[in-house]
Amino acid sequence: MKDKNNTQFFDVSVEQTRSVKSIIEDVYKALSEKGYNPVNQIVGYIMSGDPTYITSYKNARSLIVKVERDELVEELLAEYIKNNSWKEEN
């Protein structure tokens, strides 16, 4: 029998915190595997907020809704700028 005088701990954290980048990568892969155009689908989701643009295959929809849409845009823009040489010209 547990001691009723001590505080019991309950931990509901099942999934570790994932980076926005890894979520985008997983969603992109799931969309590609299902035959969708991942860029179009992700843009549709970002613009509308409607999660049905993202497949539920491989838990992609559940993953992407855990991230705020502005965070998705920020990550995508940061990666785009990082990977383009024109930013060094300005």
N, C-alpha and C. Protein backbone atom coordinates (compact mmCIF):
# COMPACT_ATOMS: atom_id res chain seq x y z
N MET A 1 0.84 -1.18 0.00
CA MET A 1 0.00 0.00 0.00
C MET A 1 0.89 1.24 0.00
N LYS A 2 0.53 2.25 -0.79
CA LYS A 2 1.31 3.47 -0.88
C LYS A 2 1.06 4.35 0.34
N ASP A 3 2.11 5.11 0.68
CA ASP A 3 2.01 6.03 1.81
C ASP A 3 1.20 7.25 1.38
N LYS A 4 0.07 7.49 2.00
CA LYS A 4 -0.82 8.59 1.63
C LYS A 4 -0.32 9.94 2.15
N ASN A 5 0.75 9.96 2.89
CA ASN A 5 1.29 11.21 3.41
C ASN A 5 2.33 11.82 2.47
N ASN A 6 2.78 11.08 1.47
CA ASN A 6 3.78 11.58 0.53
C ASN A 6 3.14 11.88 -0.81
N THR A 7 3.69 12.86 -1.48
CA THR A 7 3.20 13.22 -2.81
C THR A 7 3.65 12.18 -3.82
N GLN A 8 2.71 11.73 -4.62
CA GLN A 8 3.01 10.78 -5.67
C GLN A 8 3.28 11.55 -6.96
N PHE A 9 4.15 11.04 -7.79
CA PHE A 9 4.49 11.69 -9.05
C PHE A 9 3.90 10.89 -10.21
N PHE A 10 3.38 11.63 -11.16
CA PHE A 10 2.82 11.02 -12.36
C PHE A 10 3.40 11.75 -13.55
N ASP A 11 4.07 11.04 -14.43
CA ASP A 11 4.72 11.65 -15.58
C ASP A 11 3.98 11.24 -16.84
N VAL A 12 3.38 12.22 -17.53
CA VAL A 12 2.64 11.93 -18.76
C VAL A 12 3.45 12.22 -20.01
N SER A 13 4.67 12.68 -19.86
CA SER A 13 5.48 13.02 -21.04
C SER A 13 6.00 11.73 -21.67
N VAL A 14 5.40 11.38 -22.78
CA VAL A 14 5.75 10.15 -23.48
C VAL A 14 6.78 10.45 -24.57
N GLU A 15 6.54 11.50 -25.32
CA GLU A 15 7.39 11.82 -26.45
C GLU A 15 8.36 12.94 -26.09
N GLN A 16 9.61 12.76 -26.47
CA GLN A 16 10.59 13.80 -26.25
C GLN A 16 10.29 14.97 -27.17
N THR A 17 10.74 16.15 -26.77
CA THR A 17 10.55 17.32 -27.60
C THR A 17 11.35 17.15 -28.88
N ARG A 18 10.69 17.38 -30.00
CA ARG A 18 11.34 17.24 -31.30
C ARG A 18 11.56 18.61 -31.89
N SER A 19 12.59 18.73 -32.68
CA SER A 19 12.86 20.00 -33.33
C SER A 19 11.87 20.23 -34.46
N VAL A 20 11.64 21.50 -34.77
CA VAL A 20 10.76 21.85 -35.87
C VAL A 20 11.31 21.27 -37.16
N LYS A 21 12.62 21.33 -37.32
CA LYS A 21 13.26 20.81 -38.52
C LYS A 21 12.97 19.32 -38.71
N SER A 22 13.08 18.54 -37.65
CA SER A 22 12.84 17.09 -37.77
C SER A 22 11.37 16.80 -38.06
N ILE A 23 10.47 17.62 -37.52
CA ILE A 23 9.05 17.44 -37.81
C ILE A 23 8.77 17.73 -39.28
N ILE A 24 9.33 18.83 -39.80
CA ILE A 24 9.14 19.16 -41.21
C ILE A 24 9.68 18.04 -42.09
N GLU A 25 10.85 17.51 -41.75
CA GLU A 25 11.45 16.42 -42.53
C GLU A 25 10.55 15.19 -42.54
N ASP A 26 10.02 14.81 -41.38
CA ASP A 26 9.16 13.63 -41.30
C ASP A 26 7.85 13.83 -42.05
N VAL A 27 7.28 15.01 -41.94
CA VAL A 27 6.04 15.31 -42.65
C VAL A 27 6.28 15.29 -44.16
N TYR A 28 7.37 15.88 -44.59
CA TYR A 28 7.74 15.90 -46.01
C TYR A 28 7.87 14.47 -46.55
N LYS A 29 8.57 13.63 -45.81
CA LYS A 29 8.76 12.24 -46.23
C LYS A 29 7.43 11.50 -46.31
N ALA A 30 6.57 11.67 -45.32
CA ALA A 30 5.28 10.99 -45.31
C ALA A 30 4.42 11.43 -46.49
N LEU A 31 4.40 12.73 -46.77
CA LEU A 31 3.64 13.23 -47.91
C LEU A 31 4.19 12.67 -49.22
N SER A 32 5.50 12.64 -49.35
CA SER A 32 6.13 12.10 -50.57
C SER A 32 5.79 10.63 -50.75
N GLU A 33 5.89 9.86 -49.68
CA GLU A 33 5.61 8.43 -49.75
C GLU A 33 4.17 8.14 -50.15
N LYS A 34 3.26 9.03 -49.79
CA LYS A 34 1.85 8.84 -50.14
C LYS A 34 1.53 9.40 -51.51
N GLY A 35 2.52 9.99 -52.19
CA GLY A 35 2.31 10.47 -53.55
C GLY A 35 1.85 11.91 -53.67
N TYR A 36 1.86 12.65 -52.57
CA TYR A 36 1.47 14.05 -52.61
C TYR A 36 2.67 14.93 -52.97
N ASN A 37 2.40 16.14 -53.42
CA ASN A 37 3.44 17.14 -53.59
C ASN A 37 3.63 17.79 -52.22
N PRO A 38 4.73 17.47 -51.52
CA PRO A 38 4.90 17.93 -50.14
C PRO A 38 4.92 19.45 -50.01
N VAL A 39 5.53 20.13 -50.97
CA VAL A 39 5.60 21.60 -50.89
C VAL A 39 4.19 22.19 -50.94
N ASN A 40 3.40 21.75 -51.92
CA ASN A 40 2.04 22.27 -52.04
C ASN A 40 1.21 21.98 -50.79
N GLN A 41 1.32 20.79 -50.27
CA GLN A 41 0.53 20.41 -49.11
C GLN A 41 0.93 21.19 -47.86
N ILE A 42 2.22 21.36 -47.66
CA ILE A 42 2.69 22.10 -46.48
C ILE A 42 2.30 23.57 -46.60
N VAL A 43 2.44 24.15 -47.80
CA VAL A 43 2.01 25.53 -48.02
C VAL A 43 0.51 25.66 -47.74
N GLY A 44 -0.28 24.73 -48.24
CA GLY A 44 -1.72 24.74 -47.99
C GLY A 44 -2.03 24.74 -46.51
N TYR A 45 -1.31 23.92 -45.76
CA TYR A 45 -1.51 23.87 -44.31
C TYR A 45 -1.11 25.18 -43.65
N ILE A 46 0.05 25.71 -44.01
CA ILE A 46 0.52 26.95 -43.40
C ILE A 46 -0.44 28.11 -43.69
N MET A 47 -0.91 28.20 -44.92
CA MET A 47 -1.78 29.30 -45.31
C MET A 47 -3.18 29.20 -44.68
N SER A 48 -3.69 27.99 -44.58
CA SER A 48 -5.08 27.84 -44.12
C SER A 48 -5.22 27.43 -42.65
N GLY A 49 -4.22 26.74 -42.15
CA GLY A 49 -4.34 26.19 -40.79
C GLY A 49 -5.13 24.90 -40.75
N ASP A 50 -5.54 24.41 -41.91
CA ASP A 50 -6.35 23.20 -41.99
C ASP A 50 -5.44 21.97 -42.02
N PRO A 51 -5.44 21.17 -40.95
CA PRO A 51 -4.53 20.03 -40.88
C PRO A 51 -4.83 18.92 -41.88
N THR A 52 -5.98 18.98 -42.55
CA THR A 52 -6.28 17.92 -43.52
C THR A 52 -5.43 18.03 -44.78
N TYR A 53 -4.66 19.10 -44.92
CA TYR A 53 -3.68 19.17 -46.01
C TYR A 53 -2.54 18.18 -45.78
N ILE A 54 -2.39 17.73 -44.54
CA ILE A 54 -1.30 16.82 -44.17
C ILE A 54 -1.86 15.43 -43.93
N THR A 55 -1.23 14.44 -44.53
CA THR A 55 -1.65 13.06 -44.37
C THR A 55 -1.49 12.60 -42.91
N SER A 56 -2.33 11.68 -42.51
CA SER A 56 -2.17 11.09 -41.18
C SER A 56 -1.19 9.92 -41.21
N TYR A 57 -0.74 9.57 -42.42
CA TYR A 57 0.23 8.50 -42.60
C TYR A 57 1.49 8.79 -41.79
N LYS A 58 1.99 7.80 -41.10
CA LYS A 58 3.18 7.91 -40.24
C LYS A 58 3.05 9.03 -39.20
N ASN A 59 1.81 9.31 -38.80
CA ASN A 59 1.55 10.28 -37.73
C ASN A 59 1.92 11.71 -38.12
N ALA A 60 2.04 11.99 -39.42
CA ALA A 60 2.50 13.31 -39.89
C ALA A 60 1.57 14.44 -39.43
N ARG A 61 0.27 14.22 -39.51
CA ARG A 61 -0.67 15.27 -39.11
C ARG A 61 -0.55 15.59 -37.63
N SER A 62 -0.43 14.57 -36.82
CA SER A 62 -0.28 14.78 -35.38
C SER A 62 1.00 15.53 -35.05
N LEU A 63 2.04 15.25 -35.81
CA LEU A 63 3.31 15.93 -35.59
C LEU A 63 3.23 17.41 -35.94
N ILE A 64 2.70 17.71 -37.12
CA ILE A 64 2.74 19.09 -37.59
C ILE A 64 1.86 20.02 -36.77
N VAL A 65 0.77 19.52 -36.22
CA VAL A 65 -0.09 20.39 -35.42
C VAL A 65 0.51 20.73 -34.06
N LYS A 66 1.59 20.07 -33.70
CA LYS A 66 2.28 20.37 -32.44
C LYS A 66 3.15 21.62 -32.56
N VAL A 67 3.33 22.09 -33.81
CA VAL A 67 4.19 23.24 -34.07
C VAL A 67 3.32 24.40 -34.55
N GLU A 68 3.56 25.58 -34.01
CA GLU A 68 2.83 26.76 -34.48
C GLU A 68 3.21 27.04 -35.93
N ARG A 69 2.25 27.49 -36.73
CA ARG A 69 2.52 27.74 -38.15
C ARG A 69 3.60 28.79 -38.36
N ASP A 70 3.66 29.81 -37.51
CA ASP A 70 4.71 30.81 -37.67
C ASP A 70 6.09 30.22 -37.40
N GLU A 71 6.17 29.22 -36.55
CA GLU A 71 7.44 28.53 -36.32
C GLU A 71 7.87 27.74 -37.55
N LEU A 72 6.90 27.16 -38.24
CA LEU A 72 7.20 26.44 -39.48
C LEU A 72 7.77 27.40 -40.51
N VAL A 73 7.12 28.56 -40.68
CA VAL A 73 7.59 29.55 -41.65
C VAL A 73 8.99 30.03 -41.27
N GLU A 74 9.20 30.29 -40.00
CA GLU A 74 10.51 30.75 -39.53
C GLU A 74 11.61 29.73 -39.84
N GLU A 75 11.34 28.47 -39.57
CA GLU A 75 12.33 27.42 -39.82
C GLU A 75 12.61 27.27 -41.31
N LEU A 76 11.55 27.26 -42.11
CA LEU A 76 11.72 27.12 -43.56
C LEU A 76 12.49 28.30 -44.15
N LEU A 77 12.18 29.51 -43.72
CA LEU A 77 12.87 30.69 -44.22
C LEU A 77 14.33 30.70 -43.78
N ALA A 78 14.59 30.34 -42.54
CA ALA A 78 15.97 30.29 -42.04
C ALA A 78 16.80 29.29 -42.83
N GLU A 79 16.24 28.12 -43.13
CA GLU A 79 16.95 27.12 -43.92
C GLU A 79 17.18 27.60 -45.34
N TYR A 80 16.18 28.26 -45.91
CA TYR A 80 16.31 28.77 -47.27
C TYR A 80 17.43 29.80 -47.35
N ILE A 81 17.44 30.72 -46.42
CA ILE A 81 18.47 31.77 -46.41
C ILE A 81 19.84 31.15 -46.17
N LYS A 82 19.92 30.21 -45.26
CA LYS A 82 21.20 29.55 -44.96
C LYS A 82 21.78 28.84 -46.17
N ASN A 83 20.91 28.31 -47.02
CA ASN A 83 21.36 27.50 -48.15
C ASN A 83 21.45 28.25 -49.47
N ASN A 84 21.36 29.56 -49.45
CA ASN A 84 21.44 30.35 -50.67
C ASN A 84 22.55 31.38 -50.56
N SER A 85 23.36 31.46 -51.60
CA SER A 85 24.53 32.32 -51.58
C SER A 85 24.19 33.79 -51.75
N TRP A 86 23.03 34.13 -52.30
CA TRP A 86 22.71 35.52 -52.55
C TRP A 86 22.68 36.35 -51.27
N LYS A 87 22.47 35.74 -50.13
CA LYS A 87 22.41 36.48 -48.86
C LYS A 87 23.74 37.14 -48.53
N GLU A 88 24.84 36.57 -49.05
CA GLU A 88 26.17 37.13 -48.77
C GLU A 88 26.47 38.32 -49.66
N GLU A 89 25.72 38.52 -50.74
CA GLU A 89 25.94 39.63 -51.65
C GLU A 89 25.42 40.95 -51.10
N ASN A 90 24.45 40.89 -50.18
CA ASN A 90 23.84 42.12 -49.66
C ASN A 90 24.54 42.65 -48.45
